[in-house]
Amino acid sequence: MHTVLVVAGGFALLAVCLLIGRFFGGGKSVAKASLVFLPLWLLGAGVNMWVGVARAGYSVNEELPVFLIVFAVPAAVGFAIWWKCRVR
């Protein structure tokens, strides 16, 4: 359940980035906003992994597959949005 909530948080961060990009100028800004989202989300997913290792007691080997899923799902959508918006 926690993983689903964190992934949902990633989509919320993506939505905020896209809204800011849309506010500041349309298609090219949305593409740039989706690229800005990627390192922000990498940091967020990394913090989630750190919490799992340092606070919850999981090993890095146990937490790494969860980190990859948590990062990859919203990042793939962000990358797809960048791809679609940059082609225009």
Protein backbone atom coordinates (compact mmCIF):
# COMPACT_ATOMS: atom_id res chain seq x y z
CA MET A 1 0.00 0.00 0.00
CA HIS A 2 2.85 2.38 0.83
CA THR A 3 4.36 1.85 -2.61
CA VAL A 4 1.09 2.78 -4.30
CA LEU A 5 0.88 5.96 -2.23
CA VAL A 6 4.45 6.94 -3.10
CA VAL A 7 3.84 6.33 -6.82
CA ALA A 8 0.68 8.45 -6.53
CA GLY A 9 2.85 11.14 -4.94
CA GLY A 10 5.11 10.93 -7.98
CA PHE A 11 2.15 11.50 -10.27
CA ALA A 12 1.06 14.43 -8.10
CA LEU A 13 4.54 15.96 -8.41
CA LEU A 14 4.41 15.43 -12.18
CA ALA A 15 1.03 17.16 -12.32
CA VAL A 16 2.37 20.13 -10.36
CA CYS A 17 5.39 20.40 -12.66
CA LEU A 18 3.19 20.21 -15.75
CA LEU A 19 0.78 22.84 -14.42
CA ILE A 20 3.69 25.18 -13.71
CA GLY A 21 5.03 24.55 -17.20
CA ARG A 22 1.63 25.19 -18.75
CA PHE A 23 1.27 28.38 -16.74
CA PHE A 24 4.62 29.66 -18.01
CA GLY A 25 4.13 29.15 -21.70
CA GLY A 26 2.50 26.14 -23.30
CA GLY A 27 3.96 23.17 -25.18
CA LYS A 28 7.71 23.78 -25.00
CA SER A 29 7.44 24.78 -21.34
CA VAL A 30 5.44 21.63 -20.59
CA ALA A 31 8.20 19.59 -22.21
CA LYS A 32 10.80 21.36 -20.11
CA ALA A 33 8.68 20.92 -16.97
CA SER A 34 8.49 17.17 -17.56
CA LEU A 35 12.29 17.09 -17.77
CA VAL A 36 12.57 19.11 -14.55
CA PHE A 37 10.29 16.54 -12.92
CA LEU A 38 12.71 13.65 -13.55
CA PRO A 39 15.56 14.71 -11.19
CA LEU A 40 13.03 15.94 -8.62
CA TRP A 41 11.35 12.55 -8.66
CA LEU A 42 14.69 10.74 -8.55
CA LEU A 43 15.43 12.67 -5.36
CA GLY A 44 11.97 11.89 -3.95
CA ALA A 45 12.24 8.18 -4.74
CA GLY A 46 15.74 8.17 -3.26
CA VAL A 47 14.44 9.71 -0.04
CA ASN A 48 11.75 7.03 0.07
CA MET A 49 14.44 4.37 -0.33
CA TRP A 50 16.57 5.96 2.39
CA VAL A 51 13.58 5.94 4.76
CA GLY A 52 13.00 2.28 3.98
CA VAL A 53 16.62 1.40 4.72
CA ALA A 54 17.38 3.73 7.63
CA ARG A 55 14.05 3.82 9.43
CA ALA A 56 12.06 0.74 8.41
CA GLY A 57 14.99 -1.64 8.66
CA TYR A 58 15.01 -3.02 5.13
CA SER A 59 18.29 -3.82 3.42
CA VAL A 60 19.38 -1.98 0.29
CA ASN A 61 18.91 -5.23 -1.65
CA GLU A 62 15.30 -5.45 -0.46
CA GLU A 63 14.57 -1.79 -1.13
CA LEU A 64 16.24 -1.46 -4.55
CA PRO A 65 13.50 -3.22 -6.60
CA VAL A 66 10.86 -1.09 -4.87
CA PHE A 67 12.92 2.04 -5.62
CA LEU A 68 13.11 1.08 -9.30
CA ILE A 69 9.35 0.59 -9.54
CA VAL A 70 8.58 3.74 -7.56
CA PHE A 71 10.87 5.81 -9.76
CA ALA A 72 10.21 4.17 -13.12
CA VAL A 73 6.42 4.34 -13.29
CA PRO A 74 5.97 8.13 -12.94
CA ALA A 75 9.28 8.78 -14.75
CA ALA A 76 8.10 6.79 -17.77
CA VAL A 77 4.95 8.89 -17.96
CA GLY A 78 6.98 12.08 -17.58
CA PHE A 79 9.35 10.95 -20.30
CA ALA A 80 6.44 10.09 -22.60
CA ILE A 81 4.95 13.55 -22.04
CA TRP A 82 8.31 15.12 -22.83
CA TRP A 83 8.57 13.02 -26.00
CA LYS A 84 5.10 14.01 -27.18
CA CYS A 85 5.51 17.73 -26.39
CA ARG A 86 8.98 18.14 -27.86
CA VAL A 87 7.89 16.77 -31.26
CA ARG A 88 5.40 19.60 -31.81
